[in-house]
């Protein structure tokens, strides 16, 4: 359903325009109380969602604490005078998980800024066999084509795509195999490619 959702959003977005791509915002977090998305779905799936946000059509948005994996309750009104316990818990940045998240965000931001195709390229969805488990889309423009493959499940997945991978740009728990890929649970593969045929 996520692939269908992304396709529908892409189709509704006017040509030449970019929408906002976020996972949480102040309204959601205020209403969710102790149920931050990071806490409810876990860091591996949140990493996958962030990879999709940074590579899909639209402007990626990080909400307070995503960049360090913060799971604490948050309020937009939290400050040192009012609700001081409802602020970003920056101590997460000092944990192994927090450092890993910051490294992922740096890598995704560098790709987004370094490859114009990820900011402005068209989106298309190549056919693949495990659509319920892995989200796959390509961003292309006149100069470049980049394939994004993200395993949204806790089981390993194999892909066979009508593409040839030419350069791996970001790989987390994944490997290229000919015209396909093997993704470990919650694996992420972002690679330059060319269409076969």
N, C-alpha and C. Protein backbone atom coordinates (compact mmCIF):
# COMPACT_ATOMS: atom_id res chain seq x y z
N UNK A 1 0.82 -1.20 0.00
CA UNK A 1 0.00 0.00 0.00
C UNK A 1 0.86 1.26 0.00
N UNK A 2 2.07 1.17 0.56
CA UNK A 2 2.94 2.35 0.55
C UNK A 2 3.33 2.76 -0.87
N UNK A 3 3.64 1.76 -1.71
CA UNK A 3 3.98 2.08 -3.10
C UNK A 3 2.81 2.77 -3.77
N UNK A 4 1.59 2.24 -3.58
CA UNK A 4 0.41 2.88 -4.18
C UNK A 4 0.23 4.30 -3.63
N UNK A 5 0.45 4.46 -2.33
CA UNK A 5 0.32 5.79 -1.73
C UNK A 5 1.31 6.77 -2.37
N UNK A 6 2.58 6.35 -2.50
CA UNK A 6 3.58 7.22 -3.12
C UNK A 6 3.19 7.56 -4.56
N UNK A 7 2.70 6.57 -5.30
CA UNK A 7 2.28 6.83 -6.68
C UNK A 7 1.15 7.85 -6.73
N UNK A 8 0.18 7.70 -5.84
CA UNK A 8 -0.95 8.64 -5.82
C UNK A 8 -0.49 10.06 -5.46
N UNK A 9 0.40 10.17 -4.48
CA UNK A 9 0.92 11.50 -4.11
C UNK A 9 1.68 12.10 -5.29
N UNK A 10 2.51 11.29 -5.97
CA UNK A 10 3.26 11.78 -7.13
C UNK A 10 2.31 12.27 -8.22
N UNK A 11 1.23 11.52 -8.45
CA UNK A 11 0.28 11.90 -9.50
C UNK A 11 -0.49 13.17 -9.15
N UNK A 12 -0.77 13.38 -7.86
CA UNK A 12 -1.52 14.57 -7.42
C UNK A 12 -0.67 15.82 -7.36
N UNK A 13 0.65 15.66 -7.26
CA UNK A 13 1.53 16.82 -7.14
C UNK A 13 1.69 17.47 -8.52
N UNK A 14 1.37 18.74 -8.65
CA UNK A 14 1.48 19.40 -9.95
C UNK A 14 2.90 19.35 -10.51
N UNK A 15 3.00 19.27 -11.82
CA UNK A 15 4.32 19.26 -12.47
C UNK A 15 5.11 20.49 -12.06
N UNK A 16 6.38 20.30 -11.79
CA UNK A 16 7.25 21.40 -11.41
C UNK A 16 7.13 21.84 -9.95
N UNK A 17 6.28 21.17 -9.19
CA UNK A 17 6.08 21.51 -7.78
C UNK A 17 6.60 20.37 -6.90
N UNK A 18 6.98 20.71 -5.68
CA UNK A 18 7.44 19.71 -4.72
C UNK A 18 6.62 19.84 -3.44
N UNK A 19 6.18 18.70 -2.92
CA UNK A 19 5.46 18.68 -1.66
C UNK A 19 6.40 18.45 -0.49
N UNK A 20 5.87 18.53 0.69
CA UNK A 20 6.61 18.32 1.93
C UNK A 20 6.55 16.84 2.27
N UNK A 21 7.69 16.24 2.62
CA UNK A 21 7.74 14.82 2.98
C UNK A 21 8.24 14.69 4.42
N UNK A 22 7.31 14.43 5.33
CA UNK A 22 7.67 14.30 6.73
C UNK A 22 7.05 13.07 7.34
N UNK A 23 7.63 12.61 8.44
CA UNK A 23 7.12 11.43 9.14
C UNK A 23 6.31 11.83 10.36
N UNK A 24 6.69 12.92 11.01
CA UNK A 24 5.97 13.46 12.16
C UNK A 24 5.99 14.97 12.06
N UNK A 25 5.09 15.59 12.80
CA UNK A 25 5.11 17.04 12.94
C UNK A 25 4.62 17.38 14.35
N UNK A 26 4.57 18.65 14.68
CA UNK A 26 4.22 19.02 16.06
C UNK A 26 2.82 18.59 16.45
N UNK A 27 1.87 18.64 15.53
CA UNK A 27 0.50 18.21 15.86
C UNK A 27 0.45 16.71 16.14
N UNK A 28 1.08 15.93 15.27
CA UNK A 28 1.08 14.48 15.44
C UNK A 28 1.72 14.10 16.77
N UNK A 29 2.87 14.68 17.07
CA UNK A 29 3.62 14.31 18.27
C UNK A 29 2.88 14.77 19.53
N UNK A 30 2.27 15.95 19.50
CA UNK A 30 1.48 16.39 20.66
C UNK A 30 0.34 15.42 20.93
N UNK A 31 -0.35 14.99 19.88
CA UNK A 31 -1.49 14.07 20.03
C UNK A 31 -1.05 12.66 20.40
N UNK A 32 0.11 12.25 19.94
CA UNK A 32 0.57 10.87 20.15
C UNK A 32 1.09 10.65 21.57
N UNK A 33 1.37 11.70 22.29
CA UNK A 33 1.89 11.61 23.65
C UNK A 33 3.18 10.80 23.69
N UNK A 34 3.17 9.64 24.33
CA UNK A 34 4.38 8.82 24.46
C UNK A 34 4.63 7.93 23.24
N UNK A 35 3.82 8.04 22.22
CA UNK A 35 3.93 7.16 21.05
C UNK A 35 4.63 7.86 19.90
N UNK A 36 5.89 8.21 20.10
CA UNK A 36 6.69 8.72 18.99
C UNK A 36 6.83 7.60 17.97
N UNK A 37 6.85 7.96 16.71
CA UNK A 37 6.97 6.98 15.65
C UNK A 37 8.23 6.13 15.83
N UNK A 38 9.32 6.76 16.16
CA UNK A 38 10.58 6.05 16.38
C UNK A 38 10.42 4.96 17.43
N UNK A 39 9.70 5.26 18.48
CA UNK A 39 9.49 4.31 19.58
C UNK A 39 8.56 3.18 19.15
N UNK A 40 7.52 3.49 18.40
CA UNK A 40 6.53 2.49 18.02
C UNK A 40 6.99 1.55 16.92
N UNK A 41 7.72 2.05 15.92
CA UNK A 41 8.12 1.19 14.79
C UNK A 41 9.55 0.69 14.91
N UNK A 42 10.38 1.36 15.69
CA UNK A 42 11.76 0.94 15.87
C UNK A 42 12.70 1.63 14.90
N UNK A 43 13.97 1.67 15.30
CA UNK A 43 15.00 2.37 14.51
C UNK A 43 15.20 1.80 13.11
N UNK A 44 15.25 0.46 12.91
CA UNK A 44 15.49 -0.04 11.55
C UNK A 44 14.42 0.41 10.54
N UNK A 45 13.15 0.34 10.93
CA UNK A 45 12.09 0.77 10.02
C UNK A 45 12.08 2.28 9.85
N UNK A 46 12.44 2.99 10.90
CA UNK A 46 12.53 4.45 10.79
C UNK A 46 13.64 4.84 9.83
N UNK A 47 14.77 4.11 9.85
CA UNK A 47 15.84 4.37 8.89
C UNK A 47 15.34 4.20 7.46
N UNK A 48 14.54 3.15 7.24
CA UNK A 48 13.96 2.93 5.90
C UNK A 48 13.07 4.10 5.50
N UNK A 49 12.23 4.54 6.41
CA UNK A 49 11.33 5.66 6.11
C UNK A 49 12.11 6.93 5.80
N UNK A 50 13.19 7.17 6.52
CA UNK A 50 14.01 8.35 6.26
C UNK A 50 14.69 8.26 4.89
N UNK A 51 15.14 7.06 4.51
CA UNK A 51 15.73 6.89 3.18
C UNK A 51 14.71 7.22 2.10
N UNK A 52 13.47 6.79 2.29
CA UNK A 52 12.41 7.11 1.33
C UNK A 52 12.13 8.61 1.30
N UNK A 53 12.14 9.25 2.46
CA UNK A 53 11.88 10.69 2.51
C UNK A 53 12.95 11.49 1.79
N UNK A 54 14.20 11.09 1.91
CA UNK A 54 15.28 11.85 1.29
C UNK A 54 15.43 11.58 -0.20
N UNK A 55 14.89 10.48 -0.70
CA UNK A 55 15.09 10.13 -2.11
C UNK A 55 13.83 10.25 -2.95
N UNK A 56 12.67 10.34 -2.32
CA UNK A 56 11.42 10.45 -3.07
C UNK A 56 11.17 11.85 -3.55
N UNK A 57 10.11 12.00 -4.32
CA UNK A 57 9.74 13.31 -4.84
C UNK A 57 9.21 14.17 -3.70
N UNK A 58 9.77 15.34 -3.53
CA UNK A 58 9.35 16.24 -2.48
C UNK A 58 10.52 16.73 -1.66
N UNK A 59 10.22 17.56 -0.69
CA UNK A 59 11.24 18.16 0.17
C UNK A 59 11.27 17.38 1.48
N UNK A 60 12.39 16.73 1.81
CA UNK A 60 12.45 15.97 3.05
C UNK A 60 12.45 16.88 4.28
N UNK A 61 11.81 16.39 5.32
CA UNK A 61 11.65 17.18 6.54
C UNK A 61 12.00 16.30 7.73
N UNK A 62 12.90 16.76 8.57
CA UNK A 62 13.25 16.07 9.81
C UNK A 62 12.55 16.79 10.94
N UNK A 63 11.81 16.05 11.76
CA UNK A 63 11.18 16.66 12.92
C UNK A 63 12.05 16.43 14.15
N UNK A 64 11.94 17.26 15.10
CA UNK A 64 12.72 17.30 16.33
C UNK A 64 13.12 15.92 16.85
N UNK A 65 14.39 15.58 16.67
CA UNK A 65 14.92 14.36 17.22
C UNK A 65 15.08 13.21 16.25
N UNK A 66 14.49 13.29 15.07
CA UNK A 66 14.68 12.21 14.08
C UNK A 66 16.15 11.99 13.78
N UNK A 67 16.91 13.06 13.77
CA UNK A 67 18.31 12.96 13.37
C UNK A 67 19.18 12.22 14.38
N UNK A 68 18.65 11.96 15.58
CA UNK A 68 19.41 11.23 16.60
C UNK A 68 18.66 10.01 17.12
N UNK A 69 17.47 9.76 16.60
CA UNK A 69 16.67 8.61 17.06
C UNK A 69 16.00 8.84 18.41
N UNK A 70 15.63 10.06 18.71
CA UNK A 70 14.99 10.39 19.98
C UNK A 70 13.61 9.73 20.06
N UNK A 71 13.32 9.06 21.17
CA UNK A 71 12.03 8.39 21.35
C UNK A 71 11.20 9.01 22.47
N UNK A 72 11.69 10.10 23.05
CA UNK A 72 10.99 10.67 24.19
C UNK A 72 9.80 11.51 23.76
N UNK A 73 8.86 11.64 24.69
CA UNK A 73 7.68 12.47 24.45
C UNK A 73 8.14 13.90 24.16
N UNK A 74 7.45 14.56 23.26
CA UNK A 74 7.87 15.88 22.82
C UNK A 74 6.67 16.80 22.69
N UNK A 75 6.89 18.07 22.92
CA UNK A 75 5.86 19.08 22.70
C UNK A 75 6.50 20.30 22.09
N UNK A 76 5.81 20.91 21.14
CA UNK A 76 6.33 22.13 20.54
C UNK A 76 6.42 23.25 21.58
N UNK A 77 5.66 23.11 22.68
CA UNK A 77 5.67 24.12 23.72
C UNK A 77 6.78 23.89 24.75
N UNK A 78 7.46 22.76 24.68
CA UNK A 78 8.50 22.45 25.65
C UNK A 78 9.70 23.38 25.53
N UNK A 79 10.09 23.97 26.64
CA UNK A 79 11.29 24.81 26.72
C UNK A 79 11.78 24.78 28.16
N UNK A 80 12.80 25.54 28.49
CA UNK A 80 13.35 25.45 29.84
C UNK A 80 12.42 26.00 30.91
N UNK A 81 11.41 26.79 30.50
CA UNK A 81 10.47 27.38 31.46
C UNK A 81 9.15 26.62 31.51
N UNK A 82 8.73 26.09 30.40
CA UNK A 82 7.43 25.42 30.30
C UNK A 82 7.63 24.01 29.77
N UNK A 83 7.17 23.02 30.50
CA UNK A 83 7.28 21.61 30.09
C UNK A 83 8.71 21.24 29.74
N UNK A 84 9.66 21.44 30.66
CA UNK A 84 11.07 21.20 30.34
C UNK A 84 11.40 19.75 30.01
N UNK A 85 10.56 18.82 30.41
CA UNK A 85 10.81 17.41 30.11
C UNK A 85 10.26 16.99 28.75
N UNK A 86 9.68 17.92 28.01
CA UNK A 86 9.09 17.59 26.71
C UNK A 86 9.90 18.19 25.57
N UNK A 87 11.21 18.19 25.72
CA UNK A 87 12.12 18.71 24.70
C UNK A 87 12.91 17.56 24.09
N UNK A 88 13.65 17.83 23.04
CA UNK A 88 14.52 16.82 22.43
C UNK A 88 15.53 16.36 23.48
N UNK A 89 15.70 15.06 23.57
CA UNK A 89 16.69 14.50 24.48
C UNK A 89 17.98 14.29 23.70
N UNK A 90 18.84 15.31 23.73
CA UNK A 90 20.06 15.29 22.91
C UNK A 90 21.06 14.24 23.36
N UNK A 91 20.84 13.62 24.51
CA UNK A 91 21.76 12.57 24.95
C UNK A 91 21.72 11.37 24.00
N UNK A 92 20.65 11.21 23.23
CA UNK A 92 20.59 10.13 22.24
C UNK A 92 21.73 10.26 21.21
N UNK A 93 22.20 11.48 21.00
CA UNK A 93 23.29 11.70 20.03
C UNK A 93 24.59 11.04 20.49
N UNK A 94 24.70 10.75 21.76
CA UNK A 94 25.91 10.14 22.30
C UNK A 94 25.85 8.61 22.33
N UNK A 95 24.75 8.04 21.88
CA UNK A 95 24.62 6.58 21.86
C UNK A 95 25.08 6.04 20.51
N UNK A 96 25.36 4.75 20.48
CA UNK A 96 25.75 4.12 19.21
C UNK A 96 24.64 4.26 18.18
N UNK A 97 23.40 4.04 18.61
CA UNK A 97 22.26 4.16 17.69
C UNK A 97 22.11 5.60 17.19
N UNK A 98 22.32 6.56 18.08
CA UNK A 98 22.22 7.97 17.68
C UNK A 98 23.30 8.36 16.68
N UNK A 99 24.52 7.87 16.89
CA UNK A 99 25.60 8.16 15.95
C UNK A 99 25.34 7.50 14.60
N UNK A 100 24.79 6.28 14.62
CA UNK A 100 24.46 5.60 13.37
C UNK A 100 23.38 6.37 12.61
N UNK A 101 22.39 6.89 13.32
CA UNK A 101 21.33 7.67 12.67
C UNK A 101 21.90 8.94 12.07
N UNK A 102 22.75 9.63 12.81
CA UNK A 102 23.34 10.87 12.29
C UNK A 102 24.17 10.58 11.04
N UNK A 103 24.88 9.46 11.02
CA UNK A 103 25.67 9.09 9.83
C UNK A 103 24.75 8.82 8.65
N UNK A 104 23.63 8.14 8.89
CA UNK A 104 22.68 7.89 7.80
C UNK A 104 22.13 9.20 7.26
N UNK A 105 21.74 10.10 8.13
CA UNK A 105 21.19 11.40 7.70
C UNK A 105 22.24 12.17 6.90
N UNK A 106 23.49 12.17 7.37
CA UNK A 106 24.56 12.86 6.62
C UNK A 106 24.71 12.25 5.22
N UNK A 107 24.70 10.91 5.14
CA UNK A 107 24.84 10.24 3.84
C UNK A 107 23.67 10.56 2.92
N UNK A 108 22.46 10.51 3.46
CA UNK A 108 21.27 10.80 2.64
C UNK A 108 21.25 12.25 2.19
N UNK A 109 21.61 13.17 3.09
CA UNK A 109 21.64 14.60 2.73
C UNK A 109 22.70 14.86 1.67
N UNK A 110 23.86 14.20 1.79
CA UNK A 110 24.92 14.38 0.79
C UNK A 110 24.46 13.88 -0.58
N UNK A 111 23.77 12.75 -0.61
CA UNK A 111 23.24 12.25 -1.88
C UNK A 111 22.22 13.23 -2.46
N UNK A 112 21.32 13.68 -1.62
CA UNK A 112 20.26 14.58 -2.07
C UNK A 112 20.85 15.87 -2.64
N UNK A 113 21.87 16.41 -1.98
CA UNK A 113 22.49 17.66 -2.44
C UNK A 113 23.44 17.43 -3.61
N UNK A 114 24.05 16.26 -3.68
CA UNK A 114 25.04 16.01 -4.72
C UNK A 114 24.48 15.48 -6.03
N UNK A 115 23.26 14.97 -6.00
CA UNK A 115 22.65 14.41 -7.21
C UNK A 115 21.37 15.17 -7.54
N UNK A 116 21.41 16.05 -8.52
CA UNK A 116 20.22 16.81 -8.88
C UNK A 116 19.00 15.93 -9.19
N UNK A 117 19.25 14.71 -9.69
CA UNK A 117 18.13 13.82 -10.02
C UNK A 117 17.28 13.51 -8.79
N UNK A 118 17.89 13.48 -7.60
CA UNK A 118 17.11 13.17 -6.38
C UNK A 118 16.27 14.35 -5.93
N UNK A 119 16.59 15.54 -6.38
CA UNK A 119 15.79 16.71 -6.02
C UNK A 119 14.73 17.02 -7.07
N UNK A 120 15.03 16.78 -8.34
CA UNK A 120 14.12 17.22 -9.40
C UNK A 120 13.73 16.16 -10.42
N UNK A 121 14.33 14.99 -10.34
CA UNK A 121 14.07 13.96 -11.34
C UNK A 121 12.66 13.39 -11.27
N UNK A 122 12.19 12.87 -12.40
CA UNK A 122 10.90 12.19 -12.45
C UNK A 122 10.99 10.90 -11.63
N UNK A 123 9.84 10.41 -11.22
CA UNK A 123 9.76 9.16 -10.46
C UNK A 123 9.03 8.13 -11.31
N UNK A 124 9.59 6.92 -11.37
CA UNK A 124 8.82 5.82 -11.95
C UNK A 124 9.08 4.56 -11.14
N UNK A 125 8.15 3.63 -11.23
CA UNK A 125 8.17 2.42 -10.41
C UNK A 125 8.35 1.20 -11.30
N UNK A 126 9.59 0.64 -11.35
CA UNK A 126 9.81 -0.55 -12.18
C UNK A 126 9.11 -1.77 -11.58
N UNK A 127 8.72 -2.70 -12.42
CA UNK A 127 8.07 -3.91 -11.95
C UNK A 127 9.07 -4.77 -11.18
N UNK A 128 8.59 -5.36 -10.08
CA UNK A 128 9.41 -6.32 -9.34
C UNK A 128 8.49 -7.29 -8.61
N UNK A 129 9.04 -8.40 -8.14
CA UNK A 129 8.24 -9.52 -7.67
C UNK A 129 7.69 -9.36 -6.25
N UNK A 130 8.38 -8.68 -5.37
CA UNK A 130 7.95 -8.64 -3.95
C UNK A 130 7.47 -7.25 -3.56
N UNK A 131 6.46 -6.76 -4.26
CA UNK A 131 5.99 -5.40 -4.04
C UNK A 131 5.43 -5.15 -2.66
N UNK A 132 4.94 -6.19 -1.99
CA UNK A 132 4.39 -5.99 -0.66
C UNK A 132 5.48 -5.83 0.39
N UNK A 133 6.70 -6.24 0.06
CA UNK A 133 7.78 -6.21 1.04
C UNK A 133 8.80 -5.11 0.78
N UNK A 134 9.06 -4.82 -0.49
CA UNK A 134 10.13 -3.89 -0.84
C UNK A 134 9.56 -2.75 -1.68
N UNK A 135 9.87 -1.53 -1.28
CA UNK A 135 9.50 -0.37 -2.09
C UNK A 135 10.67 -0.10 -3.03
N UNK A 136 10.36 -0.02 -4.33
CA UNK A 136 11.37 0.26 -5.34
C UNK A 136 10.85 1.37 -6.24
N UNK A 137 11.66 2.39 -6.42
CA UNK A 137 11.35 3.41 -7.42
C UNK A 137 12.64 3.95 -7.98
N UNK A 138 12.53 4.57 -9.14
CA UNK A 138 13.68 5.19 -9.79
C UNK A 138 13.42 6.67 -9.95
N UNK A 139 14.48 7.45 -9.81
CA UNK A 139 14.45 8.87 -10.11
C UNK A 139 15.30 9.07 -11.35
N UNK A 140 14.76 9.74 -12.37
CA UNK A 140 15.53 9.93 -13.59
C UNK A 140 15.32 11.32 -14.15
N UNK A 141 16.40 11.79 -14.79
CA UNK A 141 16.36 13.02 -15.56
C UNK A 141 17.18 12.77 -16.82
N UNK A 142 17.49 13.81 -17.56
CA UNK A 142 18.21 13.63 -18.83
C UNK A 142 19.63 13.10 -18.62
N UNK A 143 20.22 13.32 -17.45
CA UNK A 143 21.61 12.93 -17.22
C UNK A 143 21.79 11.69 -16.36
N UNK A 144 20.81 11.33 -15.57
CA UNK A 144 21.05 10.33 -14.53
C UNK A 144 19.80 9.49 -14.27
N UNK A 145 20.02 8.30 -13.71
CA UNK A 145 18.93 7.45 -13.24
C UNK A 145 19.42 6.76 -11.97
N UNK A 146 18.64 6.89 -10.90
CA UNK A 146 18.99 6.31 -9.60
C UNK A 146 17.83 5.45 -9.13
N UNK A 147 18.15 4.22 -8.71
CA UNK A 147 17.15 3.29 -8.19
C UNK A 147 17.25 3.25 -6.67
N UNK A 148 16.10 3.32 -6.01
CA UNK A 148 16.01 3.23 -4.56
C UNK A 148 15.23 1.96 -4.23
N UNK A 149 15.83 1.06 -3.45
CA UNK A 149 15.18 -0.18 -3.04
C UNK A 149 15.26 -0.27 -1.52
N UNK A 150 14.11 -0.41 -0.87
CA UNK A 150 14.06 -0.42 0.59
C UNK A 150 13.20 -1.59 1.06
N UNK A 151 13.79 -2.49 1.82
CA UNK A 151 13.07 -3.62 2.38
C UNK A 151 12.37 -3.17 3.66
N UNK A 152 11.06 -3.12 3.63
CA UNK A 152 10.27 -2.63 4.76
C UNK A 152 9.89 -3.74 5.74
N UNK A 153 10.51 -4.90 5.62
CA UNK A 153 10.14 -6.04 6.46
C UNK A 153 11.34 -6.57 7.23
N UNK A 154 11.05 -7.42 8.18
CA UNK A 154 12.07 -8.07 8.98
C UNK A 154 12.56 -9.37 8.37
N UNK A 155 12.25 -9.62 7.11
CA UNK A 155 12.70 -10.83 6.42
C UNK A 155 13.57 -10.44 5.23
N UNK A 156 14.58 -11.26 4.89
CA UNK A 156 15.39 -10.95 3.71
C UNK A 156 14.55 -11.03 2.44
N UNK A 157 14.91 -10.22 1.46
CA UNK A 157 14.17 -10.17 0.19
C UNK A 157 15.16 -10.13 -0.96
N UNK A 158 14.78 -10.75 -2.07
CA UNK A 158 15.57 -10.69 -3.31
C UNK A 158 14.75 -10.01 -4.38
N UNK A 159 15.40 -9.19 -5.19
CA UNK A 159 14.75 -8.45 -6.27
C UNK A 159 15.36 -8.82 -7.60
N UNK A 160 14.54 -8.88 -8.61
CA UNK A 160 15.01 -8.95 -9.99
C UNK A 160 14.31 -7.81 -10.71
N UNK A 161 15.09 -6.89 -11.25
CA UNK A 161 14.54 -5.66 -11.82
C UNK A 161 14.92 -5.53 -13.29
N UNK A 162 14.13 -4.80 -14.07
CA UNK A 162 14.48 -4.55 -15.47
C UNK A 162 15.53 -3.44 -15.59
N UNK A 163 16.57 -3.53 -14.76
CA UNK A 163 17.61 -2.51 -14.67
C UNK A 163 18.97 -3.18 -14.57
N UNK A 164 20.00 -2.42 -14.87
CA UNK A 164 21.37 -2.84 -14.58
C UNK A 164 21.96 -1.78 -13.66
N UNK A 165 22.42 -2.22 -12.49
CA UNK A 165 23.04 -1.29 -11.55
C UNK A 165 24.45 -0.97 -12.02
N UNK A 166 24.80 0.30 -12.02
CA UNK A 166 26.11 0.72 -12.51
C UNK A 166 27.01 1.29 -11.42
N UNK A 167 26.44 1.81 -10.33
CA UNK A 167 27.24 2.36 -9.23
C UNK A 167 26.41 2.37 -7.96
N UNK A 168 26.93 1.74 -6.92
CA UNK A 168 26.26 1.75 -5.62
C UNK A 168 26.56 3.07 -4.93
N UNK A 169 25.50 3.77 -4.51
CA UNK A 169 25.65 5.07 -3.87
C UNK A 169 25.49 4.99 -2.35
N UNK A 170 24.59 4.15 -1.88
CA UNK A 170 24.39 3.93 -0.46
C UNK A 170 23.89 2.51 -0.29
N UNK A 171 24.52 1.78 0.60
CA UNK A 171 24.16 0.39 0.81
C UNK A 171 24.18 0.09 2.30
N UNK A 172 23.02 -0.31 2.81
CA UNK A 172 22.93 -0.74 4.21
C UNK A 172 22.24 -2.09 4.23
N UNK A 173 23.00 -3.11 4.56
CA UNK A 173 22.47 -4.47 4.66
C UNK A 173 21.85 -4.93 3.34
N UNK A 174 22.55 -4.69 2.24
CA UNK A 174 22.07 -5.07 0.92
C UNK A 174 23.27 -5.36 0.03
N UNK A 175 23.03 -6.07 -1.07
CA UNK A 175 24.07 -6.32 -2.05
C UNK A 175 23.45 -6.40 -3.44
N UNK A 176 24.22 -5.93 -4.42
CA UNK A 176 23.79 -5.99 -5.82
C UNK A 176 24.12 -7.38 -6.36
N UNK A 177 23.17 -7.96 -7.09
CA UNK A 177 23.37 -9.26 -7.71
C UNK A 177 22.86 -9.18 -9.15
N UNK A 178 23.77 -8.89 -10.09
CA UNK A 178 23.37 -8.77 -11.50
C UNK A 178 22.36 -7.65 -11.69
N UNK A 179 21.18 -8.01 -12.21
CA UNK A 179 20.14 -6.99 -12.41
C UNK A 179 19.15 -7.00 -11.24
N UNK A 180 19.61 -7.44 -10.10
CA UNK A 180 18.77 -7.46 -8.92
C UNK A 180 19.55 -7.14 -7.68
N UNK A 181 18.93 -7.40 -6.56
CA UNK A 181 19.57 -7.10 -5.28
C UNK A 181 19.07 -8.07 -4.23
N UNK A 182 19.87 -8.25 -3.25
CA UNK A 182 19.52 -9.02 -2.05
C UNK A 182 19.52 -8.03 -0.90
N UNK A 183 18.38 -7.90 -0.23
CA UNK A 183 18.26 -6.96 0.88
C UNK A 183 17.98 -7.74 2.15
N UNK A 184 18.85 -7.56 3.14
CA UNK A 184 18.62 -8.13 4.46
C UNK A 184 17.41 -7.42 5.08
N UNK A 185 16.93 -7.90 6.23
CA UNK A 185 15.82 -7.18 6.87
C UNK A 185 16.12 -5.69 7.01
N UNK A 186 15.19 -4.88 6.56
CA UNK A 186 15.29 -3.42 6.60
C UNK A 186 16.50 -2.90 5.82
N UNK A 187 16.90 -3.62 4.80
CA UNK A 187 18.02 -3.22 3.97
C UNK A 187 17.66 -2.06 3.05
N UNK A 188 18.67 -1.25 2.73
CA UNK A 188 18.50 -0.08 1.87
C UNK A 188 19.58 -0.12 0.80
N UNK A 189 19.17 0.02 -0.46
CA UNK A 189 20.13 0.10 -1.56
C UNK A 189 19.74 1.27 -2.46
N UNK A 190 20.67 2.18 -2.64
CA UNK A 190 20.48 3.31 -3.56
C UNK A 190 21.63 3.23 -4.56
N UNK A 191 21.28 3.10 -5.85
CA UNK A 191 22.32 2.87 -6.85
C UNK A 191 21.96 3.53 -8.17
N UNK A 192 23.00 4.02 -8.86
CA UNK A 192 22.80 4.45 -10.24
C UNK A 192 22.47 3.22 -11.06
N UNK A 193 21.69 3.43 -12.12
CA UNK A 193 21.30 2.30 -12.94
C UNK A 193 21.00 2.76 -14.35
N UNK A 194 20.81 1.78 -15.21
CA UNK A 194 20.29 2.05 -16.56
C UNK A 194 19.21 1.02 -16.84
N UNK A 195 18.26 1.44 -17.64
CA UNK A 195 17.14 0.56 -17.95
C UNK A 195 17.57 -0.47 -18.99
N UNK A 196 17.16 -1.72 -18.80
CA UNK A 196 17.44 -2.78 -19.77
C UNK A 196 16.44 -2.69 -20.90
N UNK A 197 16.91 -2.96 -22.10
CA UNK A 197 16.02 -2.99 -23.27
C UNK A 197 15.89 -1.75 -23.93
